[in-house]
C-alpha atoms as a PDB file:
ATOM      1  CA  MET A   1       3.204  20.995  35.776  1.00  0.00           C
ATOM      2  CA  LYS A   2       6.854  20.374  34.883  1.00  0.00           C
ATOM      3  CA  ALA A   3       8.081  20.279  31.315  1.00  0.00           C
ATOM      4  CA  THR A   4      10.664  17.584  32.131  1.00  0.00           C
ATOM      5  CA  ARG A   5       7.961  15.144  33.209  1.00  0.00           C
ATOM      6  CA  VAL A   6       5.854  15.903  30.168  1.00  0.00           C
ATOM      7  CA  TRP A   7       8.857  15.364  27.928  1.00  0.00           C
ATOM      8  CA  ALA A   8       9.714  12.080  29.689  1.00  0.00           C
ATOM      9  CA  VAL A   9       6.203  10.713  29.105  1.00  0.00           C
ATOM     10  CA  SER A  10       6.248  11.944  25.494  1.00  0.00           C
ATOM     11  CA  ARG A  11       9.657  10.370  24.853  1.00  0.00           C
ATOM     12  CA  LYS A  12       8.455   7.082  26.326  1.00  0.00           C
ATOM     13  CA  GLU A  13       5.380   7.187  24.049  1.00  0.00           C
ATOM     14  CA  PHE A  14       7.481   8.008  20.987  1.00  0.00           C
ATOM     15  CA  LEU A  15       9.668   4.976  21.684  1.00  0.00           C
ATOM     16  CA  HIS A  16       6.561   2.782  22.040  1.00  0.00           C
ATOM     17  CA  VAL A  17       5.292   3.939  18.650  1.00  0.00           C
ATOM     18  CA  LEU A  18       8.629   3.499  16.893  1.00  0.00           C
ATOM     19  CA  ARG A  19       9.099   0.004  18.343  1.00  0.00           C
ATOM     20  CA  ASP A  20       5.538  -1.045  17.468  1.00  0.00           C
ATOM     21  CA  PRO A  21       5.179  -1.174  13.658  1.00  0.00           C
ATOM     22  CA  ARG A  22       1.464  -1.925  13.964  1.00  0.00           C
ATOM     23  CA  SER A  23       0.743   1.319  15.762  1.00  0.00           C
ATOM     24  CA  LEU A  24       2.871   3.278  13.314  1.00  0.00           C
ATOM     25  CA  GLY A  25       1.193   1.567  10.366  1.00  0.00           C
ATOM     26  CA  MET A  26      -2.228   2.189  11.860  1.00  0.00           C
ATOM     27  CA  GLY A  27      -1.405   5.836  12.325  1.00  0.00           C
ATOM     28  CA  ILE A  28      -0.003   6.476   8.833  1.00  0.00           C
ATOM     29  CA  ALA A  29      -1.032   3.716   6.427  1.00  0.00           C
ATOM     30  CA  ILE A  30      -4.725   3.547   7.353  1.00  0.00           C
ATOM     31  CA  PRO A  31      -5.454   7.233   6.577  1.00  0.00           C
ATOM     32  CA  ILE A  32      -3.749   6.872   3.191  1.00  0.00           C
ATOM     33  CA  LEU A  33      -5.705   3.703   2.438  1.00  0.00           C
ATOM     34  CA  LEU A  34      -9.019   5.236   3.488  1.00  0.00           C
ATOM     35  CA  LEU A  35      -8.386   8.367   1.457  1.00  0.00           C
ATOM     36  CA  VAL A  36      -7.624   6.322  -1.662  1.00  0.00           C
ATOM     37  CA  ILE A  37     -10.634   4.038  -1.236  1.00  0.00           C
ATOM     38  CA  TYR A  38     -13.229   6.680  -0.420  1.00  0.00           C
ATOM     39  CA  GLY A  39     -11.684   9.330  -2.645  1.00  0.00           C
ATOM     40  CA  TYR A  40     -12.249   7.158  -5.705  1.00  0.00           C
ATOM     41  CA  ALA A  41     -15.414   5.378  -4.555  1.00  0.00           C
ATOM     42  CA  LEU A  42     -17.441   8.379  -3.357  1.00  0.00           C
ATOM     43  CA  THR A  43     -18.488  10.636  -6.203  1.00  0.00           C
ATOM     44  CA  MET A  44     -21.581  12.637  -7.011  1.00  0.00           C
ATOM     45  CA  ASP A  45     -20.578  13.242 -10.625  1.00  0.00           C
ATOM     46  CA  VAL A  46     -22.681  11.472 -13.243  1.00  0.00           C
ATOM     47  CA  ASP A  47     -21.311  11.713 -16.781  1.00  0.00           C
ATOM     48  CA  GLU A  48     -22.234   9.955 -20.029  1.00  0.00           C
ATOM     49  CA  VAL A  49     -25.423   8.268 -18.834  1.00  0.00           C
ATOM     50  CA  PRO A  50     -26.226   5.571 -21.454  1.00  0.00           C
ATOM     51  CA  LEU A  51     -29.338   6.753 -23.301  1.00  0.00           C
ATOM     52  CA  VAL A  52     -31.615   5.123 -25.891  1.00  0.00           C
ATOM     53  CA  ILE A  53     -34.046   7.234 -27.903  1.00  0.00           C
ATOM     54  CA  TRP A  54     -37.507   6.505 -29.303  1.00  0.00           C
ATOM     55  CA  ASP A  55     -38.249   9.389 -31.620  1.00  0.00           C
ATOM     56  CA  GLN A  56     -41.783   8.832 -32.896  1.00  0.00           C
ATOM     57  CA  SER A  57     -41.923  12.313 -34.438  1.00  0.00           C
ATOM     58  CA  GLU A  58     -38.721  12.217 -36.521  1.00  0.00           C
ATOM     59  CA  THR A  59     -38.937  15.907 -37.331  1.00  0.00           C
ATOM     60  CA  PRO A  60     -36.373  18.745 -37.158  1.00  0.00           C
ATOM     61  CA  GLU A  61     -37.947  19.837 -33.845  1.00  0.00           C
ATOM     62  CA  SER A  62     -37.536  16.409 -32.258  1.00  0.00           C
ATOM     63  CA  ARG A  63     -33.986  16.054 -33.601  1.00  0.00           C
ATOM     64  CA  GLU A  64     -33.133  19.408 -32.048  1.00  0.00           C
ATOM     65  CA  LEU A  65     -34.321  18.143 -28.671  1.00  0.00           C
ATOM     66  CA  VAL A  66     -32.327  14.927 -29.117  1.00  0.00           C
ATOM     67  CA  SER A  67     -29.217  16.951 -29.957  1.00  0.00           C
ATOM     68  CA  GLY A  68     -29.596  18.749 -26.633  1.00  0.00           C
ATOM     69  CA  PHE A  69     -29.225  15.396 -24.870  1.00  0.00           C
ATOM     70  CA  VAL A  70     -26.462  13.806 -26.942  1.00  0.00           C
ATOM     71  CA  GLY A  71     -24.556  17.085 -27.249  1.00  0.00           C
ATOM     72  CA  SER A  72     -24.098  17.394 -23.486  1.00  0.00           C
ATOM     73  CA  ARG A  73     -21.469  15.552 -21.485  1.00  0.00           C
ATOM     74  CA  TYR A  74     -24.129  14.056 -19.241  1.00  0.00           C
ATOM     75  CA  PHE A  75     -25.696  11.658 -21.764  1.00  0.00           C
ATOM     76  CA  ALA A  76     -24.227   9.214 -24.286  1.00  0.00           C
ATOM     77  CA  ARG A  77     -26.471   7.843 -27.036  1.00  0.00           C
ATOM     78  CA  ARG A  78     -26.552   4.055 -27.155  1.00  0.00           C
ATOM     79  CA  GLY A  79     -28.952   3.693 -30.058  1.00  0.00           C
ATOM     80  CA  HIS A  80     -32.567   4.067 -31.143  1.00  0.00           C
ATOM     81  CA  VAL A  81     -35.576   1.891 -30.339  1.00  0.00           C
ATOM     82  CA  SER A  82     -38.978   1.621 -31.957  1.00  0.00           C
ATOM     83  CA  SER A  83     -41.147   0.191 -29.176  1.00  0.00           C
ATOM     84  CA  TYR A  84     -41.472  -0.020 -25.425  1.00  0.00           C
ATOM     85  CA  ARG A  85     -40.458  -3.677 -25.588  1.00  0.00           C
ATOM     86  CA  GLU A  86     -37.083  -2.755 -27.109  1.00  0.00           C
ATOM     87  CA  LEU A  87     -36.765   0.086 -24.606  1.00  0.00           C
ATOM     88  CA  GLU A  88     -37.338  -2.233 -21.645  1.00  0.00           C
ATOM     89  CA  ARG A  89     -34.925  -4.786 -23.065  1.00  0.00           C
ATOM     90  CA  ALA A  90     -32.196  -2.133 -23.375  1.00  0.00           C
ATOM     91  CA  ILE A  91     -32.643  -1.019 -19.752  1.00  0.00           C
ATOM     92  CA  ASP A  92     -32.971  -4.558 -18.351  1.00  0.00           C
ATOM     93  CA  SER A  93     -29.781  -5.640 -20.130  1.00  0.00           C
ATOM     94  CA  ARG A  94     -27.908  -2.592 -18.746  1.00  0.00           C
ATOM     95  CA  GLU A  95     -27.229  -1.429 -22.294  1.00  0.00           C
ATOM     96  CA  ALA A  96     -28.892   1.840 -21.327  1.00  0.00           C
ATOM     97  CA  MET A  97     -29.734   3.503 -18.057  1.00  0.00           C
ATOM     98  CA  ALA A  98     -32.197   6.057 -19.417  1.00  0.00           C
ATOM     99  CA  ALA A  99     -34.596   6.350 -22.325  1.00  0.00           C
ATOM    100  CA  LEU A 100     -36.083   9.382 -24.076  1.00  0.00           C
ATOM    101  CA  VAL A 101     -39.537   8.960 -25.646  1.00  0.00           C
ATOM    102  CA  ILE A 102     -40.766  11.701 -27.982  1.00  0.00           C
ATOM    103  CA  PRO A 103     -44.454  11.513 -29.028  1.00  0.00           C
ATOM    104  CA  ALA A 104     -45.555  11.451 -32.671  1.00  0.00           C
ATOM    105  CA  ASP A 105     -47.361  14.818 -32.459  1.00  0.00           C
ATOM    106  CA  PHE A 106     -44.353  16.609 -30.955  1.00  0.00           C
ATOM    107  CA  ALA A 107     -43.718  19.024 -33.857  1.00  0.00           C
ATOM    108  CA  ARG A 108     -47.420  19.620 -34.482  1.00  0.00           C
ATOM    109  CA  GLN A 109     -48.083  20.600 -30.883  1.00  0.00           C
ATOM    110  CA  ILE A 110     -45.096  22.948 -30.824  1.00  0.00           C
ATOM    111  CA  ALA A 111     -46.183  24.602 -34.075  1.00  0.00           C
ATOM    112  CA  ALA A 112     -49.644  25.138 -32.584  1.00  0.00           C
ATOM    113  CA  GLY A 113     -48.141  26.736 -29.479  1.00  0.00           C
ATOM    114  CA  ARG A 114     -49.528  24.050 -27.197  1.00  0.00           C
ATOM    115  CA  PRO A 115     -47.582  22.284 -24.435  1.00  0.00           C
ATOM    116  CA  VAL A 116     -46.269  18.845 -25.278  1.00  0.00           C
ATOM    117  CA  ALA A 117     -44.827  16.231 -22.917  1.00  0.00           C
ATOM    118  CA  VAL A 118     -41.829  13.996 -23.514  1.00  0.00           C
ATOM    119  CA  GLN A 119     -41.101  10.953 -21.405  1.00  0.00           C
ATOM    120  CA  ILE A 120     -37.882  10.124 -19.582  1.00  0.00           C
ATOM    121  CA  ILE A 121     -37.538   6.569 -18.264  1.00  0.00           C
ATOM    122  CA  VAL A 122     -34.646   5.936 -15.873  1.00  0.00           C
ATOM    123  CA  ASP A 123     -33.373   2.743 -14.284  1.00  0.00           C
ATOM    124  CA  GLY A 124     -34.072   3.270 -10.586  1.00  0.00           C
ATOM    125  CA  SER A 125     -31.928   0.413  -9.259  1.00  0.00           C
ATOM    126  CA  ASP A 126     -29.268   3.037  -8.505  1.00  0.00           C
ATOM    127  CA  SER A 127     -31.522   5.681  -6.988  1.00  0.00           C
ATOM    128  CA  ASN A 128     -28.807   8.293  -6.461  1.00  0.00           C
ATOM    129  CA  THR A 129     -27.571   8.166 -10.061  1.00  0.00           C
ATOM    130  CA  ALA A 130     -31.142   8.057 -11.353  1.00  0.00           C
ATOM    131  CA  THR A 131     -32.067  11.198  -9.423  1.00  0.00           C
ATOM    132  CA  ILE A 132     -29.042  13.070 -10.752  1.00  0.00           C
ATOM    133  CA  ALA A 133     -29.752  11.901 -14.321  1.00  0.00           C
ATOM    134  CA  LEU A 134     -33.341  13.106 -14.020  1.00  0.00           C
ATOM    135  CA  GLY A 135     -32.076  16.489 -12.903  1.00  0.00           C
ATOM    136  CA  TYR A 136     -29.833  16.693 -15.960  1.00  0.00           C
ATOM    137  CA  ALA A 137     -32.748  15.724 -18.226  1.00  0.00           C
ATOM    138  CA  GLU A 138     -34.921  18.442 -16.701  1.00  0.00           C
ATOM    139  CA  VAL A 139     -32.237  21.041 -17.418  1.00  0.00           C
ATOM    140  CA  VAL A 140     -31.943  19.938 -21.064  1.00  0.00           C
ATOM    141  CA  THR A 141     -35.714  19.988 -21.645  1.00  0.00           C
ATOM    142  CA  GLU A 142     -36.106  23.317 -19.860  1.00  0.00           C
ATOM    143  CA  THR A 143     -33.382  24.856 -22.031  1.00  0.00           C
ATOM    144  CA  TYR A 144     -35.113  23.545 -25.162  1.00  0.00           C
ATOM    145  CA  SER A 145     -38.481  24.851 -23.931  1.00  0.00           C
ATOM    146  CA  GLN A 146     -37.052  28.320 -23.344  1.00  0.00           C
ATOM    147  CA  ALA A 147     -35.541  28.363 -26.851  1.00  0.00           C
ATOM    148  CA  VAL A 148     -38.892  27.371 -28.410  1.00  0.00           C
ATOM    149  CA  THR A 149     -40.698  30.033 -26.382  1.00  0.00           C
ATOM    150  CA  MET A 150     -38.290  32.734 -27.548  1.00  0.00           C
ATOM    151  CA  GLN A 151     -38.745  31.635 -31.179  1.00  0.00           C
ATOM    152  CA  GLN A 152     -42.522  31.942 -30.865  1.00  0.00           C
ATOM    153  CA  ILE A 153     -42.216  35.391 -29.285  1.00  0.00           C
ATOM    154  CA  ARG A 154     -39.948  36.557 -32.102  1.00  0.00           C
ATOM    155  CA  ARG A 155     -42.520  35.437 -34.668  1.00  0.00           C
ATOM    156  CA  ILE A 156     -45.225  37.463 -32.952  1.00  0.00           C
ATOM    157  CA  LEU A 157     -43.211  40.542 -31.988  1.00  0.00           C
ATOM    158  CA  THR A 158     -40.617  42.363 -34.003  1.00  0.00           C
ATOM    159  CA  ARG A 159     -38.441  42.651 -30.926  1.00  0.00           C
ATOM    160  CA  PRO A 160     -38.711  40.223 -28.021  1.00  0.00           C
ATOM    161  CA  PRO A 161     -39.204  41.850 -24.617  1.00  0.00           C
ATOM    162  CA  ASP A 162     -36.295  42.023 -22.240  1.00  0.00           C
ATOM    163  CA  PRO A 163     -36.661  39.676 -19.276  1.00  0.00           C
ATOM    164  CA  PRO A 164     -37.420  41.575 -16.054  1.00  0.00           C
ATOM    165  CA  LEU A 165     -34.780  39.609 -14.171  1.00  0.00           C
ATOM    166  CA  ALA A 166     -31.734  37.826 -15.564  1.00  0.00           C
ATOM    167  CA  LEU A 167     -30.304  35.149 -13.279  1.00  0.00           C
ATOM    168  CA  ARG A 168     -26.637  34.385 -13.822  1.00  0.00           C
ATOM    169  CA  PRO A 169     -25.439  31.910 -11.182  1.00  0.00           C
ATOM    170  CA  ARG A 170     -21.761  31.958 -10.352  1.00  0.00           C
ATOM    171  CA  VAL A 171     -19.957  29.323  -8.317  1.00  0.00           C
ATOM    172  CA  TRP A 172     -16.959  30.871  -6.577  1.00  0.00           C
ATOM    173  CA  PHE A 173     -15.186  28.042  -4.804  1.00  0.00           C
ATOM    174  CA  ASN A 174     -15.835  25.073  -7.116  1.00  0.00           C
ATOM    175  CA  ALA A 175     -16.606  26.457 -10.536  1.00  0.00           C
ATOM    176  CA  GLU A 176     -16.469  23.014 -12.217  1.00  0.00           C
ATOM    177  CA  LEU A 177     -18.823  21.552  -9.570  1.00  0.00           C
ATOM    178  CA  GLU A 178     -16.485  18.590  -9.121  1.00  0.00           C
ATOM    179  CA  SER A 179     -17.790  16.478  -6.249  1.00  0.00           C
ATOM    180  CA  ARG A 180     -14.295  15.395  -5.194  1.00  0.00           C
ATOM    181  CA  HIS A 181     -13.489  19.032  -4.375  1.00  0.00           C
ATOM    182  CA  TYR A 182     -16.168  18.748  -1.687  1.00  0.00           C
ATOM    183  CA  ILE A 183     -15.610  15.130  -0.653  1.00  0.00           C
ATOM    184  CA  VAL A 184     -11.818  14.927  -0.264  1.00  0.00           C
ATOM    185  CA  PRO A 185     -11.469  17.835   2.237  1.00  0.00           C
ATOM    186  CA  GLY A 186     -14.357  16.386   4.227  1.00  0.00           C
ATOM    187  CA  LEU A 187     -12.704  12.960   4.199  1.00  0.00           C
ATOM    188  CA  ILE A 188      -9.487  14.458   5.567  1.00  0.00           C
ATOM    189  CA  ALA A 189     -11.331  15.899   8.568  1.00  0.00           C
ATOM    190  CA  VAL A 190     -13.255  12.663   9.217  1.00  0.00           C
ATOM    191  CA  MET A 191     -10.125  10.512   9.027  1.00  0.00           C
ATOM    192  CA  MET A 192      -8.158  12.802  11.317  1.00  0.00           C
ATOM    193  CA  MET A 193     -10.973  12.590  13.850  1.00  0.00           C
ATOM    194  CA  MET A 194     -11.065   8.784  13.649  1.00  0.00           C
ATOM    195  CA  ILE A 195      -7.313   8.226  13.765  1.00  0.00           C
ATOM    196  CA  ALA A 196      -6.629  10.734  16.554  1.00  0.00           C
ATOM    197  CA  ALA A 197      -9.374   9.329  18.777  1.00  0.00           C
ATOM    198  CA  MET A 198      -8.398   5.727  18.069  1.00  0.00           C
ATOM    199  CA  LEU A 199      -4.661   6.135  18.660  1.00  0.00           C
ATOM    200  CA  THR A 200      -4.985   8.093  21.885  1.00  0.00           C
ATOM    201  CA  SER A 201      -7.555   5.682  23.298  1.00  0.00           C
ATOM    202  CA  LEU A 202      -5.421   2.684  22.350  1.00  0.00           C
ATOM    203  CA  THR A 203      -2.383   4.061  24.142  1.00  0.00           C
ATOM    204  CA  VAL A 204      -4.294   4.330  27.426  1.00  0.00           C
ATOM    205  CA  ALA A 205      -5.799   0.869  26.946  1.00  0.00           C
ATOM    206  CA  ARG A 206      -2.340  -0.522  26.217  1.00  0.00           C
ATOM    207  CA  GLU A 207      -1.016   0.812  29.545  1.00  0.00           C
ATOM    208  CA  TRP A 208      -3.731  -1.085  31.413  1.00  0.00           C
ATOM    209  CA  GLU A 209      -3.224  -4.273  29.377  1.00  0.00           C
ATOM    210  CA  ARG A 210       0.532  -4.317  29.993  1.00  0.00           C
ATOM    211  CA  GLY A 211       0.198  -3.458  33.643  1.00  0.00           C
ATOM    212  CA  THR A 212       2.297  -0.308  33.339  1.00  0.00           C
ATOM    213  CA  MET A 213      -0.472   2.109  34.321  1.00  0.00           C
ATOM    214  CA  GLU A 214       0.059   1.290  37.986  1.00  0.00           C
ATOM    215  CA  GLN A 215       3.753   2.101  37.616  1.00  0.00           C
ATOM    216  CA  LEU A 216       2.893   5.475  36.064  1.00  0.00           C
ATOM    217  CA  ILE A 217       0.444   6.228  38.840  1.00  0.00           C
ATOM    218  CA  SER A 218       3.106   5.472  41.452  1.00  0.00           C
ATOM    219  CA  THR A 219       5.528   7.960  39.887  1.00  0.00           C
ATOM    220  CA  PRO A 220       5.511  11.715  40.667  1.00  0.00           C
ATOM    221  CA  VAL A 221       3.881  12.337  37.254  1.00  0.00           C
ATOM    222  CA  LYS A 222       0.609  14.189  37.683  1.00  0.00           C
ATOM    223  CA  GLY A 223      -2.566  13.603  35.703  1.00  0.00           C
ATOM    224  CA  PRO A 224      -2.296  16.650  33.394  1.00  0.00           C
ATOM    225  CA  GLU A 225       1.362  15.844  32.742  1.00  0.00           C
ATOM    226  CA  LEU A 226       0.487  12.264  31.820  1.00  0.00           C
ATOM    227  CA  ILE A 227      -2.343  13.328  29.490  1.00  0.00           C
ATOM    228  CA  LEU A 228      -0.258  16.031  27.799  1.00  0.00           C
ATOM    229  CA  GLY A 229       2.753  13.729  27.490  1.00  0.00           C
ATOM    230  CA  LYS A 230       0.648  11.073  25.790  1.00  0.00           C
ATOM    231  CA  LEU A 231      -1.082  13.668  23.636  1.00  0.00           C
ATOM    232  CA  LEU A 232       2.008  15.200  22.010  1.00  0.00           C
ATOM    233  CA  PRO A 233       3.323  12.126  20.095  1.00  0.00           C
ATOM    234  CA  TYR A 234      -0.046  11.361  18.567  1.00  0.00           C
ATOM    235  CA  LEU A 235      -0.613  15.031  17.811  1.00  0.00           C
ATOM    236  CA  ALA A 236       2.627  14.889  15.802  1.00  0.00           C
ATOM    237  CA  ILE A 237       1.423  11.745  14.002  1.00  0.00           C
ATOM    238  CA  GLY A 238      -1.913  13.424  13.314  1.00  0.00           C
ATOM    239  CA  LEU A 239      -0.194  16.468  11.825  1.00  0.00           C
ATOM    240  CA  LEU A 240       1.972  14.169   9.690  1.00  0.00           C
ATOM    241  CA  ASP A 241      -1.208  12.440   8.474  1.00  0.00           C
ATOM    242  CA  THR A 242      -2.671  15.857   7.692  1.00  0.00           C
ATOM    243  CA  VAL A 243       0.366  16.760   5.583  1.00  0.00           C
ATOM    244  CA  ILE A 244       0.140  13.454   3.690  1.00  0.00           C
ATOM    245  CA  ALA A 245      -3.618  13.815   3.176  1.00  0.00           C
ATOM    246  CA  VAL A 246      -3.348  17.402   1.939  1.00  0.00           C
ATOM    247  CA  LEU A 247      -0.569  16.448  -0.489  1.00  0.00           C
ATOM    248  CA  MET A 248      -2.601  13.487  -1.755  1.00  0.00           C
ATOM    249  CA  GLY A 249      -5.645  15.682  -2.188  1.00  0.00           C
ATOM    250  CA  ARG A 250      -3.597  18.182  -4.169  1.00  0.00           C
ATOM    251  CA  PHE A 251      -1.522  15.880  -6.379  1.00  0.00           C
ATOM    252  CA  VAL A 252      -3.578  12.649  -6.525  1.00  0.00           C
ATOM    253  CA  PHE A 253      -7.141  13.991  -6.632  1.00  0.00           C
ATOM    254  CA  ASP A 254      -6.308  17.424  -8.132  1.00  0.00           C
ATOM    255  CA  VAL A 255      -8.121  19.330  -5.394  1.00  0.00           C
ATOM    256  CA  PRO A 256      -6.793  22.911  -5.506  1.00  0.00           C
ATOM    257  CA  LEU A 257      -5.177  24.216  -2.332  1.00  0.00           C
ATOM    258  CA  ARG A 258      -6.027  27.884  -2.004  1.00  0.00           C
ATOM    259  CA  GLY A 259      -5.742  30.096   1.014  1.00  0.00           C
ATOM    260  CA  SER A 260      -3.403  30.229   3.981  1.00  0.00           C
ATOM    261  CA  VAL A 261      -1.476  26.994   4.583  1.00  0.00           C
ATOM    262  CA  PRO A 262      -0.335  28.076   8.100  1.00  0.00           C
ATOM    263  CA  LEU A 263      -3.962  28.802   9.008  1.00  0.00           C
ATOM    264  CA  LEU A 264      -4.968  25.357   7.714  1.00  0.00           C
ATOM    265  CA  PHE A 265      -2.473  23.589   9.969  1.00  0.00           C
ATOM    266  CA  ALA A 266      -3.235  25.858  12.917  1.00  0.00           C
ATOM    267  CA  VAL A 267      -6.911  24.896  12.697  1.00  0.00           C
ATOM    268  CA  ALA A 268      -5.921  21.242  12.143  1.00  0.00           C
ATOM    269  CA  THR A 269      -3.861  21.366  15.351  1.00  0.00           C
ATOM    270  CA  VAL A 270      -6.802  22.685  17.345  1.00  0.00           C
ATOM    271  CA  PHE A 271      -9.022  20.007  15.769  1.00  0.00           C
ATOM    272  CA  LEU A 272      -6.577  17.173  16.577  1.00  0.00           C
ATOM    273  CA  VAL A 273      -6.064  18.362  20.150  1.00  0.00           C
ATOM    274  CA  GLY A 274      -9.818  18.340  20.643  1.00  0.00           C
END
């Protein structure tokens, strides 16, 4: 393998790219466009779910439970209802996506130390959002249930017992649990895979369409030299796309860049070559 032949093929391919605005636009503009579209469209964060409340108890205990919902960033109160008909109308009209129904004997059951059930009704037309909203509601009700249990224990015992095991979860690499911190880096890898495969396959197809592949075959250029020569220009474009995507992730989507930048681009080079 001779470096002069590899460089000649690479230089020829560079000139093709520079003289073909469509290929250059496909290699640079499409990754930016895809990152913007999917970066804003794909999200697993659900905040301020519209919520209507039917509080049949209207007691301090029920208002404390309601405050757990409206005091979190996951639910936004859209009003109160007094019947299932009004509740259904609010969900059907998209005024609310979820409804909280508290039974009339809520405070009485809690005072008696008996379990009591509250009802959460969620619009299931968006199944993903509905599932996440249900998970949030379960956390709020579980927190309220634990607080009520501790109050009852304190009334019975002078000093509540220490829990045998205290779980304190800690998220190291995405403490805010922002879904874009997971999605944007994954999108960068997927787009690099798509663009690199598409550009390199198009360059070989273009040689056959223009009838220049036979001329290349008739030259002293060997197969590995041809492949490597065609690989290098699009590897450079892929690395340029990686730089643009990383900068967009950092400054457009506020995804923190932590760790070794040289290691990132070394791994990206191996990925693009593959």
